[in-house]
Amino acid sequence: MGKERSVLMVFMMMVVVICSSKRKQVKSDSGGLKCCDDNHIGRCLPSQDDNLCDQLCQMSCNKGGACKVLKGPPPNHFCHCFC
């Protein structure tokens, strides 16, 4: 029982660390996303990360957003917040 409990605690700690590091990664330099603009938030892959981008834009702009990839060298993945 003690070993199972410690394994569970380690797993829970790993989940907390992963979730908190992802949150830090998506914050923009200015503390919020710019509305009607392309914002670099780290990884933002269309269809995979659209929900995260949409939530961040909702918090900053009260409107949604979507990921998009621009032609050119990295960084070229952006979260576009709608006007």
PDB file of N, CA and C in Angstrom:
ATOM      1  N   MET A   1       0.823  -1.189   0.000  1.00  0.00           N
ATOM      2  CA  MET A   1       0.000   0.000   0.000  1.00  0.00           C
ATOM      3  C   MET A   1       0.869   1.255   0.000  1.00  0.00           C
ATOM      4  N   GLY A   2       1.965   1.250   0.742  1.00  0.00           N
ATOM      5  CA  GLY A   2       2.838   2.414   0.811  1.00  0.00           C
ATOM      6  C   GLY A   2       3.533   2.701  -0.510  1.00  0.00           C
ATOM      7  N   LYS A   3       3.950   1.641  -1.212  1.00  0.00           N
ATOM      8  CA  LYS A   3       4.627   1.815  -2.499  1.00  0.00           C
ATOM      9  C   LYS A   3       3.658   2.376  -3.538  1.00  0.00           C
ATOM     10  N   GLU A   4       2.423   1.884  -3.549  1.00  0.00           N
ATOM     11  CA  GLU A   4       1.419   2.380  -4.490  1.00  0.00           C
ATOM     12  C   GLU A   4       1.127   3.852  -4.242  1.00  0.00           C
ATOM     13  N   ARG A   5       1.088   4.229  -2.987  1.00  0.00           N
ATOM     14  CA  ARG A   5       0.811   5.619  -2.632  1.00  0.00           C
ATOM     15  C   ARG A   5       1.939   6.535  -3.104  1.00  0.00           C
ATOM     16  N   SER A   6       3.183   6.107  -2.927  1.00  0.00           N
ATOM     17  CA  SER A   6       4.302   6.945  -3.357  1.00  0.00           C
ATOM     18  C   SER A   6       4.370   7.041  -4.879  1.00  0.00           C
ATOM     19  N   VAL A   7       4.033   5.968  -5.585  1.00  0.00           N
ATOM     20  CA  VAL A   7       3.996   6.010  -7.051  1.00  0.00           C
ATOM     21  C   VAL A   7       2.913   6.979  -7.513  1.00  0.00           C
ATOM     22  N   LEU A   8       1.771   6.945  -6.861  1.00  0.00           N
ATOM     23  CA  LEU A   8       0.684   7.855  -7.196  1.00  0.00           C
ATOM     24  C   LEU A   8       1.088   9.306  -6.946  1.00  0.00           C
ATOM     25  N   MET A   9       1.766   9.564  -5.854  1.00  0.00           N
ATOM     26  CA  MET A   9       2.221  10.923  -5.540  1.00  0.00           C
ATOM     27  C   MET A   9       3.214  11.423  -6.581  1.00  0.00           C
ATOM     28  N   VAL A  10       4.141  10.576  -7.002  1.00  0.00           N
ATOM     29  CA  VAL A  10       5.116  10.954  -8.029  1.00  0.00           C
ATOM     30  C   VAL A  10       4.395  11.278  -9.333  1.00  0.00           C
ATOM     31  N   PHE A  11       3.425  10.463  -9.708  1.00  0.00           N
ATOM     32  CA  PHE A  11       2.656  10.700 -10.928  1.00  0.00           C
ATOM     33  C   PHE A  11       1.916  12.034 -10.857  1.00  0.00           C
ATOM     34  N   MET A  12       1.293  12.314  -9.720  1.00  0.00           N
ATOM     35  CA  MET A  12       0.560  13.572  -9.564  1.00  0.00           C
ATOM     36  C   MET A  12       1.497  14.769  -9.637  1.00  0.00           C
ATOM     37  N   MET A  13       2.682  14.651  -9.068  1.00  0.00           N
ATOM     38  CA  MET A  13       3.665  15.734  -9.135  1.00  0.00           C
ATOM     39  C   MET A  13       4.093  15.986 -10.577  1.00  0.00           C
ATOM     40  N   MET A  14       4.273  14.905 -11.339  1.00  0.00           N
ATOM     41  CA  MET A  14       4.664  15.052 -12.743  1.00  0.00           C
ATOM     42  C   MET A  14       3.574  15.771 -13.532  1.00  0.00           C
ATOM     43  N   VAL A  15       2.327  15.453 -13.278  1.00  0.00           N
ATOM     44  CA  VAL A  15       1.214  16.110 -13.964  1.00  0.00           C
ATOM     45  C   VAL A  15       1.197  17.602 -13.645  1.00  0.00           C
ATOM     46  N   VAL A  16       1.387  17.951 -12.390  1.00  0.00           N
ATOM     47  CA  VAL A  16       1.399  19.358 -11.985  1.00  0.00           C
ATOM     48  C   VAL A  16       2.540  20.104 -12.666  1.00  0.00           C
ATOM     49  N   VAL A  17       3.717  19.517 -12.705  1.00  0.00           N
ATOM     50  CA  VAL A  17       4.876  20.161 -13.331  1.00  0.00           C
ATOM     51  C   VAL A  17       4.638  20.360 -14.818  1.00  0.00           C
ATOM     52  N   ILE A  18       4.117  19.357 -15.494  1.00  0.00           N
ATOM     53  CA  ILE A  18       3.872  19.461 -16.933  1.00  0.00           C
ATOM     54  C   ILE A  18       2.825  20.525 -17.218  1.00  0.00           C
ATOM     55  N   CYS A  19       1.753  20.539 -16.468  1.00  0.00           N
ATOM     56  CA  CYS A  19       0.699  21.532 -16.693  1.00  0.00           C
ATOM     57  C   CYS A  19       1.193  22.946 -16.425  1.00  0.00           C
ATOM     58  N   SER A  20       1.951  23.140 -15.373  1.00  0.00           N
ATOM     59  CA  SER A  20       2.433  24.485 -15.062  1.00  0.00           C
ATOM     60  C   SER A  20       3.468  24.951 -16.075  1.00  0.00           C
ATOM     61  N   SER A  21       4.293  24.057 -16.599  1.00  0.00           N
ATOM     62  CA  SER A  21       5.286  24.473 -17.592  1.00  0.00           C
ATOM     63  C   SER A  21       4.611  24.837 -18.900  1.00  0.00           C
ATOM     64  N   LYS A  22       3.525  24.169 -19.263  1.00  0.00           N
ATOM     65  CA  LYS A  22       2.804  24.511 -20.489  1.00  0.00           C
ATOM     66  C   LYS A  22       2.157  25.882 -20.341  1.00  0.00           C
ATOM     67  N   ARG A  23       1.618  26.197 -19.202  1.00  0.00           N
ATOM     68  CA  ARG A  23       1.010  27.505 -18.969  1.00  0.00           C
ATOM     69  C   ARG A  23       2.043  28.615 -19.114  1.00  0.00           C
ATOM     70  N   LYS A  24       3.242  28.405 -18.572  1.00  0.00           N
ATOM     71  CA  LYS A  24       4.286  29.418 -18.678  1.00  0.00           C
ATOM     72  C   LYS A  24       4.703  29.616 -20.121  1.00  0.00           C
ATOM     73  N   GLN A  25       4.717  28.560 -20.889  1.00  0.00           N
ATOM     74  CA  GLN A  25       5.172  28.625 -22.267  1.00  0.00           C
ATOM     75  C   GLN A  25       4.260  29.478 -23.129  1.00  0.00           C
ATOM     76  N   VAL A  26       2.962  29.498 -22.881  1.00  0.00           N
ATOM     77  CA  VAL A  26       2.034  30.169 -23.765  1.00  0.00           C
ATOM     78  C   VAL A  26       1.805  31.630 -23.419  1.00  0.00           C
ATOM     79  N   LYS A  27       2.349  32.116 -22.338  1.00  0.00           N
ATOM     80  CA  LYS A  27       2.169  33.522 -22.008  1.00  0.00           C
ATOM     81  C   LYS A  27       3.019  34.379 -22.931  1.00  0.00           C
ATOM     82  N   SER A  28       2.435  35.458 -23.395  1.00  0.00           N
ATOM     83  CA  SER A  28       3.188  36.356 -24.266  1.00  0.00           C
ATOM     84  C   SER A  28       4.089  37.250 -23.428  1.00  0.00           C
ATOM     85  N   ASP A  29       5.003  37.951 -24.085  1.00  0.00           N
ATOM     86  CA  ASP A  29       5.955  38.810 -23.386  1.00  0.00           C
ATOM     87  C   ASP A  29       5.259  39.946 -22.648  1.00  0.00           C
ATOM     88  N   SER A  30       4.184  40.482 -23.221  1.00  0.00           N
ATOM     89  CA  SER A  30       3.510  41.627 -22.626  1.00  0.00           C
ATOM     90  C   SER A  30       2.503  41.226 -21.550  1.00  0.00           C
ATOM     91  N   GLY A  31       2.308  39.939 -21.331  1.00  0.00           N
ATOM     92  CA  GLY A  31       1.380  39.486 -20.315  1.00  0.00           C
ATOM     93  C   GLY A  31       0.000  39.165 -20.855  1.00  0.00           C
ATOM     94  N   GLY A  32      -0.322  39.629 -22.042  1.00  0.00           N
ATOM     95  CA  GLY A  32      -1.608  39.341 -22.667  1.00  0.00           C
ATOM     96  C   GLY A  32      -1.427  39.294 -24.166  1.00  0.00           C
ATOM     97  N   LEU A  33      -2.399  38.727 -24.850  1.00  0.00           N
ATOM     98  CA  LEU A  33      -2.312  38.642 -26.301  1.00  0.00           C
ATOM     99  C   LEU A  33      -2.891  39.897 -26.933  1.00  0.00           C
ATOM    100  N   LYS A  34      -2.357  40.276 -28.081  1.00  0.00           N
ATOM    101  CA  LYS A  34      -2.850  41.441 -28.807  1.00  0.00           C
ATOM    102  C   LYS A  34      -4.021  41.022 -29.677  1.00  0.00           C
ATOM    103  N   CYS A  35      -5.094  41.787 -29.605  1.00  0.00           N
ATOM    104  CA  CYS A  35      -6.271  41.509 -30.423  1.00  0.00           C
ATOM    105  C   CYS A  35      -5.989  41.903 -31.868  1.00  0.00           C
ATOM    106  N   CYS A  36      -6.634  41.231 -32.809  1.00  0.00           N
ATOM    107  CA  CYS A  36      -6.504  41.512 -34.250  1.00  0.00           C
ATOM    108  C   CYS A  36      -5.062  41.361 -34.716  1.00  0.00           C
ATOM    109  N   ASP A  37      -4.312  40.466 -34.102  1.00  0.00           N
ATOM    110  CA  ASP A  37      -2.888  40.350 -34.417  1.00  0.00           C
ATOM    111  C   ASP A  37      -2.444  38.897 -34.254  1.00  0.00           C
ATOM    112  N   ASP A  38      -1.267  38.609 -34.811  1.00  0.00           N
ATOM    113  CA  ASP A  38      -0.640  37.300 -34.664  1.00  0.00           C
ATOM    114  C   ASP A  38       0.260  37.337 -33.440  1.00  0.00           C
ATOM    115  N   ASN A  39       0.067  36.408 -32.528  1.00  0.00           N
ATOM    116  CA  ASN A  39       0.815  36.354 -31.278  1.00  0.00           C
ATOM    117  C   ASN A  39       1.632  35.073 -31.222  1.00  0.00           C
ATOM    118  N   HIS A  40       2.915  35.213 -30.917  1.00  0.00           N
ATOM    119  CA  HIS A  40       3.764  34.028 -30.775  1.00  0.00           C
ATOM    120  C   HIS A  40       3.637  33.529 -29.347  1.00  0.00           C
ATOM    121  N   ILE A  41       3.126  32.310 -29.200  1.00  0.00           N
ATOM    122  CA  ILE A  41       2.893  31.744 -27.867  1.00  0.00           C
ATOM    123  C   ILE A  41       3.660  30.450 -27.670  1.00  0.00           C
ATOM    124  N   GLY A  42       4.602  30.162 -28.556  1.00  0.00           N
ATOM    125  CA  GLY A  42       5.264  28.864 -28.530  1.00  0.00           C
ATOM    126  C   GLY A  42       4.604  27.985 -29.565  1.00  0.00           C
ATOM    127  N   ARG A  43       4.447  26.722 -29.259  1.00  0.00           N
ATOM    128  CA  ARG A  43       3.809  25.814 -30.205  1.00  0.00           C
ATOM    129  C   ARG A  43       2.348  26.215 -30.401  1.00  0.00           C
ATOM    130  N   CYS A  44       1.928  26.332 -31.656  1.00  0.00           N
ATOM    131  CA  CYS A  44       0.529  26.613 -31.975  1.00  0.00           C
ATOM    132  C   CYS A  44       0.228  25.955 -33.313  1.00  0.00           C
ATOM    133  N   LEU A  45      -0.128  24.688 -33.270  1.00  0.00           N
ATOM    134  CA  LEU A  45      -0.402  23.925 -34.482  1.00  0.00           C
ATOM    135  C   LEU A  45      -1.894  23.946 -34.784  1.00  0.00           C
ATOM    136  N   PRO A  46      -2.270  24.342 -36.019  1.00  0.00           N
ATOM    137  CA  PRO A  46      -3.686  24.347 -36.384  1.00  0.00           C
ATOM    138  C   PRO A  46      -4.319  22.984 -36.115  1.00  0.00           C
ATOM    139  N   SER A  47      -5.514  23.008 -35.648  1.00  0.00           N
ATOM    140  CA  SER A  47      -6.357  21.870 -35.260  1.00  0.00           C
ATOM    141  C   SER A  47      -5.889  21.198 -33.968  1.00  0.00           C
ATOM    142  N   GLN A  48      -4.609  21.129 -33.687  1.00  0.00           N
ATOM    143  CA  GLN A  48      -4.140  20.513 -32.440  1.00  0.00           C
ATOM    144  C   GLN A  48      -4.186  21.491 -31.269  1.00  0.00           C
ATOM    145  N   ASP A  49      -3.812  22.743 -31.499  1.00  0.00           N
ATOM    146  CA  ASP A  49      -3.718  23.733 -30.425  1.00  0.00           C
ATOM    147  C   ASP A  49      -4.738  24.861 -30.556  1.00  0.00           C
ATOM    148  N   ASP A  50      -5.701  24.725 -31.474  1.00  0.00           N
ATOM    149  CA  ASP A  50      -6.697  25.781 -31.675  1.00  0.00           C
ATOM    150  C   ASP A  50      -7.494  26.075 -30.408  1.00  0.00           C
ATOM    151  N   ASN A  51      -7.829  25.051 -29.627  1.00  0.00           N
ATOM    152  CA  ASN A  51      -8.601  25.281 -28.398  1.00  0.00           C
ATOM    153  C   ASN A  51      -7.822  26.130 -27.404  1.00  0.00           C
ATOM    154  N   LEU A  52      -6.541  25.868 -27.253  1.00  0.00           N
ATOM    155  CA  LEU A  52      -5.705  26.651 -26.341  1.00  0.00           C
ATOM    156  C   LEU A  52      -5.609  28.093 -26.819  1.00  0.00           C
ATOM    157  N   CYS A  53      -5.352  28.282 -28.104  1.00  0.00           N
ATOM    158  CA  CYS A  53      -5.272  29.626 -28.678  1.00  0.00           C
ATOM    159  C   CYS A  53      -6.592  30.366 -28.468  1.00  0.00           C
ATOM    160  N   ASP A  54      -7.698  29.705 -28.733  1.00  0.00           N
ATOM    161  CA  ASP A  54      -9.021  30.308 -28.575  1.00  0.00           C
ATOM    162  C   ASP A  54      -9.253  30.749 -27.133  1.00  0.00           C
ATOM    163  N   GLN A  55      -8.881  29.916 -26.171  1.00  0.00           N
ATOM    164  CA  GLN A  55      -9.061  30.257 -24.756  1.00  0.00           C
ATOM    165  C   GLN A  55      -8.210  31.456 -24.360  1.00  0.00           C
ATOM    166  N   LEU A  56      -6.964  31.500 -24.823  1.00  0.00           N
ATOM    167  CA  LEU A  56      -6.085  32.626 -24.498  1.00  0.00           C
ATOM    168  C   LEU A  56      -6.620  33.921 -25.093  1.00  0.00           C
ATOM    169  N   CYS A  57      -7.119  33.854 -26.327  1.00  0.00           N
ATOM    170  CA  CYS A  57      -7.682  35.049 -26.964  1.00  0.00           C
ATOM    171  C   CYS A  57      -8.970  35.481 -26.268  1.00  0.00           C
ATOM    172  N   GLN A  58      -9.759  34.528 -25.800  1.00  0.00           N
ATOM    173  CA  GLN A  58     -10.981  34.865 -25.062  1.00  0.00           C
ATOM    174  C   GLN A  58     -10.635  35.656 -23.799  1.00  0.00           C
ATOM    175  N   MET A  59      -9.564  35.258 -23.112  1.00  0.00           N
ATOM    176  CA  MET A  59      -9.166  35.939 -21.876  1.00  0.00           C
ATOM    177  C   MET A  59      -8.653  37.348 -22.154  1.00  0.00           C
ATOM    178  N   SER A  60      -7.909  37.536 -23.239  1.00  0.00           N
ATOM    179  CA  SER A  60      -7.290  38.828 -23.522  1.00  0.00           C
ATOM    180  C   SER A  60      -8.179  39.756 -24.338  1.00  0.00           C
ATOM    181  N   CYS A  61      -8.980  39.202 -25.238  1.00  0.00           N
ATOM    182  CA  CYS A  61      -9.691  40.029 -26.218  1.00  0.00           C
ATOM    183  C   CYS A  61     -11.205  39.862 -26.190  1.00  0.00           C
ATOM    184  N   ASN A  62     -11.705  38.953 -25.376  1.00  0.00           N
ATOM    185  CA  ASN A  62     -13.133  38.643 -25.336  1.00  0.00           C
ATOM    186  C   ASN A  62     -13.658  38.115 -26.662  1.00  0.00           C
ATOM    187  N   LYS A  63     -12.765  37.709 -27.529  1.00  0.00           N
ATOM    188  CA  LYS A  63     -13.121  37.047 -28.786  1.00  0.00           C
ATOM    189  C   LYS A  63     -12.176  35.878 -28.936  1.00  0.00           C
ATOM    190  N   GLY A  64     -12.517  34.965 -29.798  1.00  0.00           N
ATOM    191  CA  GLY A  64     -11.709  33.769 -29.963  1.00  0.00           C
ATOM    192  C   GLY A  64     -10.486  33.990 -30.831  1.00  0.00           C
ATOM    193  N   GLY A  65      -9.848  32.900 -31.156  1.00  0.00           N
ATOM    194  CA  GLY A  65      -8.664  32.931 -31.997  1.00  0.00           C
ATOM    195  C   GLY A  65      -8.385  31.548 -32.546  1.00  0.00           C
ATOM    196  N   ALA A  66      -7.408  31.481 -33.430  1.00  0.00           N
ATOM    197  CA  ALA A  66      -7.030  30.205 -34.038  1.00  0.00           C
ATOM    198  C   ALA A  66      -5.552  30.230 -34.382  1.00  0.00           C
ATOM    199  N   CYS A  67      -4.954  29.057 -34.403  1.00  0.00           N
ATOM    200  CA  CYS A  67      -3.548  28.921 -34.774  1.00  0.00           C
ATOM    201  C   CYS A  67      -3.393  29.045 -36.279  1.00  0.00           C
ATOM    202  N   LYS A  68      -2.264  29.584 -36.683  1.00  0.00           N
ATOM    203  CA  LYS A  68      -1.951  29.621 -38.108  1.00  0.00           C
ATOM    204  C   LYS A  68      -0.448  29.541 -38.285  1.00  0.00           C
ATOM    205  N   VAL A  69      -0.047  29.021 -39.434  1.00  0.00           N
ATOM    206  CA  VAL A  69       1.367  28.869 -39.760  1.00  0.00           C
ATOM    207  C   VAL A  69       1.658  29.773 -40.952  1.00  0.00           C
ATOM    208  N   LEU A  70       2.640  30.653 -40.784  1.00  0.00           N
ATOM    209  CA  LEU A  70       3.034  31.557 -41.859  1.00  0.00           C
ATOM    210  C   LEU A  70       4.208  30.966 -42.621  1.00  0.00           C
ATOM    211  N   LYS A  71       4.319  31.324 -43.887  1.00  0.00           N
ATOM    212  CA  LYS A  71       5.479  30.883 -44.664  1.00  0.00           C
ATOM    213  C   LYS A  71       6.704  31.612 -44.143  1.00  0.00           C
ATOM    214  N   GLY A  72       7.817  30.962 -44.184  1.00  0.00           N
ATOM    215  CA  GLY A  72       9.056  31.579 -43.731  1.00  0.00           C
ATOM    216  C   GLY A  72       9.704  30.769 -42.633  1.00  0.00           C
ATOM    217  N   PRO A  73      10.851  31.246 -42.178  1.00  0.00           N
ATOM    218  CA  PRO A  73      11.594  30.518 -41.142  1.00  0.00           C
ATOM    219  C   PRO A  73      10.922  30.661 -39.775  1.00  0.00           C
ATOM    220  N   PRO A  74      11.197  29.725 -38.881  1.00  0.00           N
ATOM    221  CA  PRO A  74      10.654  29.816 -37.521  1.00  0.00           C
ATOM    222  C   PRO A  74      11.164  31.068 -36.819  1.00  0.00           C
ATOM    223  N   PRO A  75      10.443  31.635 -35.913  1.00  0.00           N
ATOM    224  CA  PRO A  75       9.122  31.190 -35.469  1.00  0.00           C
ATOM    225  C   PRO A  75       8.050  31.577 -36.484  1.00  0.00           C
ATOM    226  N   ASN A  76       7.285  30.608 -36.921  1.00  0.00           N
ATOM    227  CA  ASN A  76       6.247  30.879 -37.910  1.00  0.00           C
ATOM    228  C   ASN A  76       4.892  30.298 -37.504  1.00  0.00           C
ATOM    229  N   HIS A  77       4.776  29.859 -36.267  1.00  0.00           N
ATOM    230  CA  HIS A  77       3.492  29.372 -35.739  1.00  0.00           C
ATOM    231  C   HIS A  77       2.943  30.454 -34.819  1.00  0.00           C
ATOM    232  N   PHE A  78       1.738  30.925 -35.113  1.00  0.00           N
ATOM    233  CA  PHE A  78       1.161  32.031 -34.358  1.00  0.00           C
ATOM    234  C   PHE A  78      -0.273  31.741 -33.955  1.00  0.00           C
ATOM    235  N   CYS A  79      -0.689  32.394 -32.891  1.00  0.00           N
ATOM    236  CA  CYS A  79      -2.076  32.376 -32.436  1.00  0.00           C
ATOM    237  C   CYS A  79      -2.672  33.711 -32.859  1.00  0.00           C
ATOM    238  N   HIS A  80      -3.616  33.684 -33.787  1.00  0.00           N
ATOM    239  CA  HIS A  80      -4.249  34.917 -34.261  1.00  0.00           C
ATOM    240  C   HIS A  80      -5.535  35.148 -33.482  1.00  0.00           C
ATOM    241  N   CYS A  81      -5.588  36.280 -32.780  1.00  0.00           N
ATOM    242  CA  CYS A  81      -6.795  36.653 -32.036  1.00  0.00           C
ATOM    243  C   CYS A  81      -7.695  37.484 -32.941  1.00  0.00           C
ATOM    244  N   PHE A  82      -8.958  37.093 -33.011  1.00  0.00           N
ATOM    245  CA  PHE A  82      -9.907  37.766 -33.892  1.00  0.00           C
ATOM    246  C   PHE A  82     -10.238  39.165 -33.388  1.00  0.00           C
ATOM    247  N   CYS A  83     -10.663  40.018 -34.313  1.00  0.00           N
ATOM    248  CA  CYS A  83     -11.047  41.406 -33.991  1.00  0.00           C
ATOM    249  C   CYS A  83     -12.447  41.457 -33.406  1.00  0.00           C
TER     250      CYS A  83
END
